[in-house]
């Protein structure tokens, strides 16, 4: 969000994830965030897997079909 990296502080469940924004007040409901994308290539799906103790397969296969996906 706004080119910055924020921590995921809540487990991904169904189609919801809780992101810690701290005291930052510049966001509004409906703002777009990117879980994984070309903005931050240092964030790798294997790193997300390690931190969440979840397999890469489970992460990718359980993304909601309602999430927009852009192939780059």
PDB file of N, CA and C in Angstrom:
ATOM      1  N   UNK A   1       0.844  -1.167   0.000  1.00  0.00           N
ATOM      2  CA  UNK A   1       0.000   0.000   0.000  1.00  0.00           C
ATOM      3  C   UNK A   1       0.893   1.235   0.000  1.00  0.00           C
ATOM      4  N   UNK A   2       0.686   2.064  -0.980  1.00  0.00           N
ATOM      5  CA  UNK A   2       1.513   3.265  -1.164  1.00  0.00           C
ATOM      6  C   UNK A   2       2.987   2.931  -1.292  1.00  0.00           C
ATOM      7  N   UNK A   3       3.299   1.736  -1.837  1.00  0.00           N
ATOM      8  CA  UNK A   3       4.680   1.346  -2.044  1.00  0.00           C
ATOM      9  C   UNK A   3       5.419   0.923  -0.793  1.00  0.00           C
ATOM     10  N   UNK A   4       4.707   0.743   0.313  1.00  0.00           N
ATOM     11  CA  UNK A   4       5.328   0.348   1.572  1.00  0.00           C
ATOM     12  C   UNK A   4       4.942  -1.087   1.918  1.00  0.00           C
ATOM     13  N   UNK A   5       5.783  -1.731   2.709  1.00  0.00           N
ATOM     14  CA  UNK A   5       5.522  -3.094   3.148  1.00  0.00           C
ATOM     15  C   UNK A   5       5.013  -3.047   4.579  1.00  0.00           C
ATOM     16  N   UNK A   6       3.898  -3.739   4.837  1.00  0.00           N
ATOM     17  CA  UNK A   6       3.320  -3.816   6.175  1.00  0.00           C
ATOM     18  C   UNK A   6       3.212  -5.280   6.580  1.00  0.00           C
ATOM     19  N   UNK A   7       3.224  -5.538   7.872  1.00  0.00           N
ATOM     20  CA  UNK A   7       3.171  -6.900   8.384  1.00  0.00           C
ATOM     21  C   UNK A   7       1.760  -7.449   8.379  1.00  0.00           C
ATOM     22  N   UNK A   8       1.643  -8.725   8.034  1.00  0.00           N
ATOM     23  CA  UNK A   8       0.381  -9.439   8.211  1.00  0.00           C
ATOM     24  C   UNK A   8       0.347  -9.848   9.671  1.00  0.00           C
ATOM     25  N   UNK A   9      -0.692  -9.397  10.409  1.00  0.00           N
ATOM     26  CA  UNK A   9      -0.749  -9.702  11.841  1.00  0.00           C
ATOM     27  C   UNK A   9      -1.857 -10.684  12.182  1.00  0.00           C
ATOM     28  N   UNK A  10      -2.707 -11.000  11.205  1.00  0.00           N
ATOM     29  CA  UNK A  10      -3.772 -11.968  11.434  1.00  0.00           C
ATOM     30  C   UNK A  10      -3.717 -13.061  10.397  1.00  0.00           C
ATOM     31  N   UNK A  11      -4.070 -14.254  10.809  1.00  0.00           N
ATOM     32  CA  UNK A  11      -4.027 -15.389   9.899  1.00  0.00           C
ATOM     33  C   UNK A  11      -4.975 -15.178   8.731  1.00  0.00           C
ATOM     34  N   UNK A  12      -4.582 -15.666   7.583  1.00  0.00           N
ATOM     35  CA  UNK A  12      -5.458 -15.620   6.416  1.00  0.00           C
ATOM     36  C   UNK A  12      -6.562 -16.638   6.653  1.00  0.00           C
ATOM     37  N   UNK A  13      -7.796 -16.174   6.605  1.00  0.00           N
ATOM     38  CA  UNK A  13      -8.924 -17.090   6.780  1.00  0.00           C
ATOM     39  C   UNK A  13      -9.993 -16.714   5.776  1.00  0.00           C
ATOM     40  N   UNK A  14     -10.396 -17.660   4.984  1.00  0.00           N
ATOM     41  CA  UNK A  14     -11.345 -17.422   3.892  1.00  0.00           C
ATOM     42  C   UNK A  14     -10.774 -16.351   2.978  1.00  0.00           C
ATOM     43  N   UNK A  15     -11.390 -15.184   2.942  1.00  0.00           N
ATOM     44  CA  UNK A  15     -10.902 -14.128   2.050  1.00  0.00           C
ATOM     45  C   UNK A  15     -10.461 -12.894   2.836  1.00  0.00           C
ATOM     46  N   UNK A  16     -10.037 -13.080   4.088  1.00  0.00           N
ATOM     47  CA  UNK A  16      -9.656 -11.948   4.930  1.00  0.00           C
ATOM     48  C   UNK A  16      -8.246 -12.098   5.485  1.00  0.00           C
ATOM     49  N   UNK A  17      -7.546 -11.000   5.536  1.00  0.00           N
ATOM     50  CA  UNK A  17      -6.220 -10.931   6.126  1.00  0.00           C
ATOM     51  C   UNK A  17      -6.143  -9.646   6.933  1.00  0.00           C
ATOM     52  N   UNK A  18      -5.518  -9.680   8.092  1.00  0.00           N
ATOM     53  CA  UNK A  18      -5.388  -8.482   8.919  1.00  0.00           C
ATOM     54  C   UNK A  18      -3.968  -7.951   8.779  1.00  0.00           C
ATOM     55  N   UNK A  19      -3.859  -6.695   8.356  1.00  0.00           N
ATOM     56  CA  UNK A  19      -2.578  -6.033   8.142  1.00  0.00           C
ATOM     57  C   UNK A  19      -2.385  -4.979   9.226  1.00  0.00           C
ATOM     58  N   UNK A  20      -1.197  -4.956   9.834  1.00  0.00           N
ATOM     59  CA  UNK A  20      -0.896  -3.949  10.849  1.00  0.00           C
ATOM     60  C   UNK A  20      -0.427  -2.658  10.199  1.00  0.00           C
ATOM     61  N   UNK A  21      -1.217  -1.599  10.333  1.00  0.00           N
ATOM     62  CA  UNK A  21      -0.857  -0.303   9.748  1.00  0.00           C
ATOM     63  C   UNK A  21      -0.269   0.650  10.773  1.00  0.00           C
ATOM     64  N   UNK A  22      -0.214   0.226  12.037  1.00  0.00           N
ATOM     65  CA  UNK A  22       0.307   1.114  13.074  1.00  0.00           C
ATOM     66  C   UNK A  22      -0.596   2.318  13.254  1.00  0.00           C
ATOM     67  N   UNK A  23      -0.009   3.483  13.388  1.00  0.00           N
ATOM     68  CA  UNK A  23      -0.804   4.698  13.581  1.00  0.00           C
ATOM     69  C   UNK A  23      -1.076   5.416  12.269  1.00  0.00           C
ATOM     70  N   UNK A  24      -0.743   4.789  11.162  1.00  0.00           N
ATOM     71  CA  UNK A  24      -0.935   5.389   9.843  1.00  0.00           C
ATOM     72  C   UNK A  24      -2.429   5.599   9.583  1.00  0.00           C
ATOM     73  N   UNK A  25      -2.830   6.819   9.280  1.00  0.00           N
ATOM     74  CA  UNK A  25      -4.241   7.155   9.079  1.00  0.00           C
ATOM     75  C   UNK A  25      -4.573   7.480   7.622  1.00  0.00           C
ATOM     76  N   UNK A  26      -3.651   7.202   6.697  1.00  0.00           N
ATOM     77  CA  UNK A  26      -3.870   7.611   5.309  1.00  0.00           C
ATOM     78  C   UNK A  26      -4.649   6.593   4.475  1.00  0.00           C
ATOM     79  N   UNK A  27      -5.128   5.520   5.085  1.00  0.00           N
ATOM     80  CA  UNK A  27      -5.843   4.493   4.340  1.00  0.00           C
ATOM     81  C   UNK A  27      -7.336   4.564   4.606  1.00  0.00           C
ATOM     82  N   UNK A  28      -8.106   4.104   3.625  1.00  0.00           N
ATOM     83  CA  UNK A  28      -9.554   4.065   3.752  1.00  0.00           C
ATOM     84  C   UNK A  28     -10.064   2.691   3.356  1.00  0.00           C
ATOM     85  N   UNK A  29     -11.248   2.350   3.820  1.00  0.00           N
ATOM     86  CA  UNK A  29     -11.874   1.088   3.439  1.00  0.00           C
ATOM     87  C   UNK A  29     -11.967   1.050   1.918  1.00  0.00           C
ATOM     88  N   UNK A  30     -11.538  -0.059   1.352  1.00  0.00           N
ATOM     89  CA  UNK A  30     -11.580  -0.221  -0.102  1.00  0.00           C
ATOM     90  C   UNK A  30     -10.265   0.054  -0.793  1.00  0.00           C
ATOM     91  N   UNK A  31      -9.259   0.576  -0.059  1.00  0.00           N
ATOM     92  CA  UNK A  31      -7.946   0.788  -0.671  1.00  0.00           C
ATOM     93  C   UNK A  31      -7.349  -0.550  -1.087  1.00  0.00           C
ATOM     94  N   UNK A  32      -6.558  -0.538  -2.144  1.00  0.00           N
ATOM     95  CA  UNK A  32      -5.967  -1.756  -2.692  1.00  0.00           C
ATOM     96  C   UNK A  32      -4.642  -2.055  -2.001  1.00  0.00           C
ATOM     97  N   UNK A  33      -4.440  -3.324  -1.693  1.00  0.00           N
ATOM     98  CA  UNK A  33      -3.138  -3.777  -1.186  1.00  0.00           C
ATOM     99  C   UNK A  33      -2.727  -4.990  -2.010  1.00  0.00           C
ATOM    100  N   UNK A  34      -1.433  -5.256  -2.053  1.00  0.00           N
ATOM    101  CA  UNK A  34      -0.911  -6.363  -2.847  1.00  0.00           C
ATOM    102  C   UNK A  34      -0.238  -7.355  -1.914  1.00  0.00           C
ATOM    103  N   UNK A  35      -0.718  -8.599  -1.932  1.00  0.00           N
ATOM    104  CA  UNK A  35      -0.092  -9.641  -1.120  1.00  0.00           C
ATOM    105  C   UNK A  35       1.253 -10.029  -1.723  1.00  0.00           C
ATOM    106  N   UNK A  36       1.273 -10.192  -3.016  1.00  0.00           N
ATOM    107  CA  UNK A  36       2.495 -10.588  -3.720  1.00  0.00           C
ATOM    108  C   UNK A  36       2.433 -10.000  -5.101  1.00  0.00           C
ATOM    109  N   UNK A  37       3.456  -9.275  -5.476  1.00  0.00           N
ATOM    110  CA  UNK A  37       3.451  -8.687  -6.798  1.00  0.00           C
ATOM    111  C   UNK A  37       4.801  -8.133  -7.167  1.00  0.00           C
ATOM    112  N   UNK A  38       4.889  -7.495  -8.321  1.00  0.00           N
ATOM    113  CA  UNK A  38       6.174  -7.015  -8.817  1.00  0.00           C
ATOM    114  C   UNK A  38       6.726  -5.820  -8.050  1.00  0.00           C
ATOM    115  N   UNK A  39       5.908  -5.191  -7.179  1.00  0.00           N
ATOM    116  CA  UNK A  39       6.378  -4.031  -6.414  1.00  0.00           C
ATOM    117  C   UNK A  39       7.540  -4.387  -5.493  1.00  0.00           C
ATOM    118  N   UNK A  40       7.456  -5.580  -4.897  1.00  0.00           N
ATOM    119  CA  UNK A  40       8.462  -6.002  -3.916  1.00  0.00           C
ATOM    120  C   UNK A  40       8.890  -7.432  -4.236  1.00  0.00           C
ATOM    121  N   UNK A  41       9.835  -7.554  -5.140  1.00  0.00           N
ATOM    122  CA  UNK A  41      10.265  -8.893  -5.550  1.00  0.00           C
ATOM    123  C   UNK A  41      10.991  -9.634  -4.437  1.00  0.00           C
ATOM    124  N   UNK A  42      11.409  -8.908  -3.381  1.00  0.00           N
ATOM    125  CA  UNK A  42      12.085  -9.580  -2.273  1.00  0.00           C
ATOM    126  C   UNK A  42      11.106 -10.392  -1.426  1.00  0.00           C
ATOM    127  N   UNK A  43       9.803 -10.149  -1.584  1.00  0.00           N
ATOM    128  CA  UNK A  43       8.810 -10.945  -0.880  1.00  0.00           C
ATOM    129  C   UNK A  43       8.488 -12.142  -1.767  1.00  0.00           C
ATOM    130  N   UNK A  44       8.923 -13.292  -1.347  1.00  0.00           N
ATOM    131  CA  UNK A  44       8.782 -14.508  -2.146  1.00  0.00           C
ATOM    132  C   UNK A  44       7.753 -15.423  -1.493  1.00  0.00           C
ATOM    133  N   UNK A  45       7.007 -16.149  -2.290  1.00  0.00           N
ATOM    134  CA  UNK A  45       5.975 -17.034  -1.767  1.00  0.00           C
ATOM    135  C   UNK A  45       6.553 -18.050  -0.786  1.00  0.00           C
ATOM    136  N   UNK A  46       7.808 -18.469  -0.980  1.00  0.00           N
ATOM    137  CA  UNK A  46       8.430 -19.397  -0.028  1.00  0.00           C
ATOM    138  C   UNK A  46       8.643 -18.739   1.333  1.00  0.00           C
ATOM    139  N   UNK A  47       8.950 -17.447   1.339  1.00  0.00           N
ATOM    140  CA  UNK A  47       9.110 -16.721   2.604  1.00  0.00           C
ATOM    141  C   UNK A  47       7.762 -16.644   3.325  1.00  0.00           C
ATOM    142  N   UNK A  48       6.703 -16.378   2.598  1.00  0.00           N
ATOM    143  CA  UNK A  48       5.370 -16.342   3.194  1.00  0.00           C
ATOM    144  C   UNK A  48       5.028 -17.712   3.764  1.00  0.00           C
ATOM    145  N   UNK A  49       5.367 -18.755   3.033  1.00  0.00           N
ATOM    146  CA  UNK A  49       5.138 -20.122   3.483  1.00  0.00           C
ATOM    147  C   UNK A  49       5.882 -20.413   4.786  1.00  0.00           C
ATOM    148  N   UNK A  50       7.142 -20.029   4.854  1.00  0.00           N
ATOM    149  CA  UNK A  50       7.945 -20.261   6.058  1.00  0.00           C
ATOM    150  C   UNK A  50       7.376 -19.528   7.271  1.00  0.00           C
ATOM    151  N   UNK A  51       7.043 -18.263   7.083  1.00  0.00           N
ATOM    152  CA  UNK A  51       6.561 -17.441   8.196  1.00  0.00           C
ATOM    153  C   UNK A  51       5.211 -17.937   8.711  1.00  0.00           C
ATOM    154  N   UNK A  52       4.365 -18.406   7.825  1.00  0.00           N
ATOM    155  CA  UNK A  52       3.030 -18.843   8.223  1.00  0.00           C
ATOM    156  C   UNK A  52       2.938 -20.338   8.525  1.00  0.00           C
ATOM    157  N   UNK A  53       4.050 -21.059   8.345  1.00  0.00           N
ATOM    158  CA  UNK A  53       4.069 -22.511   8.537  1.00  0.00           C
ATOM    159  C   UNK A  53       2.987 -23.195   7.688  1.00  0.00           C
ATOM    160  N   UNK A  54       2.841 -22.708   6.475  1.00  0.00           N
ATOM    161  CA  UNK A  54       1.859 -23.227   5.538  1.00  0.00           C
ATOM    162  C   UNK A  54       2.585 -23.583   4.247  1.00  0.00           C
ATOM    163  N   UNK A  55       2.156 -24.635   3.592  1.00  0.00           N
ATOM    164  CA  UNK A  55       2.829 -25.015   2.348  1.00  0.00           C
ATOM    165  C   UNK A  55       2.521 -24.001   1.246  1.00  0.00           C
ATOM    166  N   UNK A  56       3.441 -23.859   0.328  1.00  0.00           N
ATOM    167  CA  UNK A  56       3.242 -22.979  -0.826  1.00  0.00           C
ATOM    168  C   UNK A  56       1.978 -23.403  -1.565  1.00  0.00           C
ATOM    169  N   UNK A  57       1.798 -24.694  -1.724  1.00  0.00           N
ATOM    170  CA  UNK A  57       0.611 -25.224  -2.391  1.00  0.00           C
ATOM    171  C   UNK A  57      -0.664 -24.723  -1.712  1.00  0.00           C
ATOM    172  N   UNK A  58      -0.727 -24.851  -0.381  1.00  0.00           N
ATOM    173  CA  UNK A  58      -1.924 -24.415   0.338  1.00  0.00           C
ATOM    174  C   UNK A  58      -2.180 -22.923   0.176  1.00  0.00           C
ATOM    175  N   UNK A  59      -1.135 -22.127   0.202  1.00  0.00           N
ATOM    176  CA  UNK A  59      -1.305 -20.682   0.037  1.00  0.00           C
ATOM    177  C   UNK A  59      -1.886 -20.369  -1.333  1.00  0.00           C
ATOM    178  N   UNK A  60      -1.291 -20.916  -2.369  1.00  0.00           N
ATOM    179  CA  UNK A  60      -1.723 -20.597  -3.724  1.00  0.00           C
ATOM    180  C   UNK A  60      -3.076 -21.202  -4.077  1.00  0.00           C
ATOM    181  N   UNK A  61      -3.342 -22.402  -3.623  1.00  0.00           N
ATOM    182  CA  UNK A  61      -4.578 -23.080  -3.998  1.00  0.00           C
ATOM    183  C   UNK A  61      -5.789 -22.588  -3.211  1.00  0.00           C
ATOM    184  N   UNK A  62      -5.559 -21.891  -2.098  1.00  0.00           N
ATOM    185  CA  UNK A  62      -6.684 -21.439  -1.285  1.00  0.00           C
ATOM    186  C   UNK A  62      -6.925 -19.940  -1.384  1.00  0.00           C
ATOM    187  N   UNK A  63      -6.315 -19.300  -2.361  1.00  0.00           N
ATOM    188  CA  UNK A  63      -6.636 -17.893  -2.598  1.00  0.00           C
ATOM    189  C   UNK A  63      -8.061 -17.824  -3.138  1.00  0.00           C
ATOM    190  N   UNK A  64      -8.804 -16.874  -2.648  1.00  0.00           N
ATOM    191  CA  UNK A  64     -10.197 -16.734  -3.063  1.00  0.00           C
ATOM    192  C   UNK A  64     -10.299 -16.459  -4.556  1.00  0.00           C
ATOM    193  N   UNK A  65     -11.277 -17.047  -5.182  1.00  0.00           N
ATOM    194  CA  UNK A  65     -11.501 -16.792  -6.609  1.00  0.00           C
ATOM    195  C   UNK A  65     -11.972 -15.358  -6.839  1.00  0.00           C
ATOM    196  N   UNK A  66     -12.389 -14.668  -5.776  1.00  0.00           N
ATOM    197  CA  UNK A  66     -12.827 -13.273  -5.890  1.00  0.00           C
ATOM    198  C   UNK A  66     -11.655 -12.303  -5.953  1.00  0.00           C
ATOM    199  N   UNK A  67     -10.452 -12.781  -5.648  1.00  0.00           N
ATOM    200  CA  UNK A  67      -9.277 -11.897  -5.719  1.00  0.00           C
ATOM    201  C   UNK A  67      -8.934 -11.603  -7.170  1.00  0.00           C
ATOM    202  N   UNK A  68      -8.681 -10.336  -7.495  1.00  0.00           N
ATOM    203  CA  UNK A  68      -8.252 -10.043  -8.865  1.00  0.00           C
ATOM    204  C   UNK A  68      -6.849 -10.588  -9.082  1.00  0.00           C
ATOM    205  N   UNK A  69      -6.620 -11.128 -10.247  1.00  0.00           N
ATOM    206  CA  UNK A  69      -5.299 -11.673 -10.560  1.00  0.00           C
ATOM    207  C   UNK A  69      -4.821 -11.048 -11.851  1.00  0.00           C
ATOM    208  N   UNK A  70      -3.599 -10.545 -11.832  1.00  0.00           N
ATOM    209  CA  UNK A  70      -2.996  -9.951 -13.016  1.00  0.00           C
ATOM    210  C   UNK A  70      -1.752 -10.736 -13.359  1.00  0.00           C
ATOM    211  N   UNK A  71      -1.688 -11.256 -14.555  1.00  0.00           N
ATOM    212  CA  UNK A  71      -0.514 -12.001 -14.994  1.00  0.00           C
ATOM    213  C   UNK A  71       0.476 -10.996 -15.570  1.00  0.00           C
ATOM    214  N   UNK A  72       1.698 -11.036 -15.032  1.00  0.00           N
ATOM    215  CA  UNK A  72       2.736 -10.114 -15.520  1.00  0.00           C
ATOM    216  C   UNK A  72       3.906 -10.895 -16.079  1.00  0.00           C
TER     217      UNK A  72
END
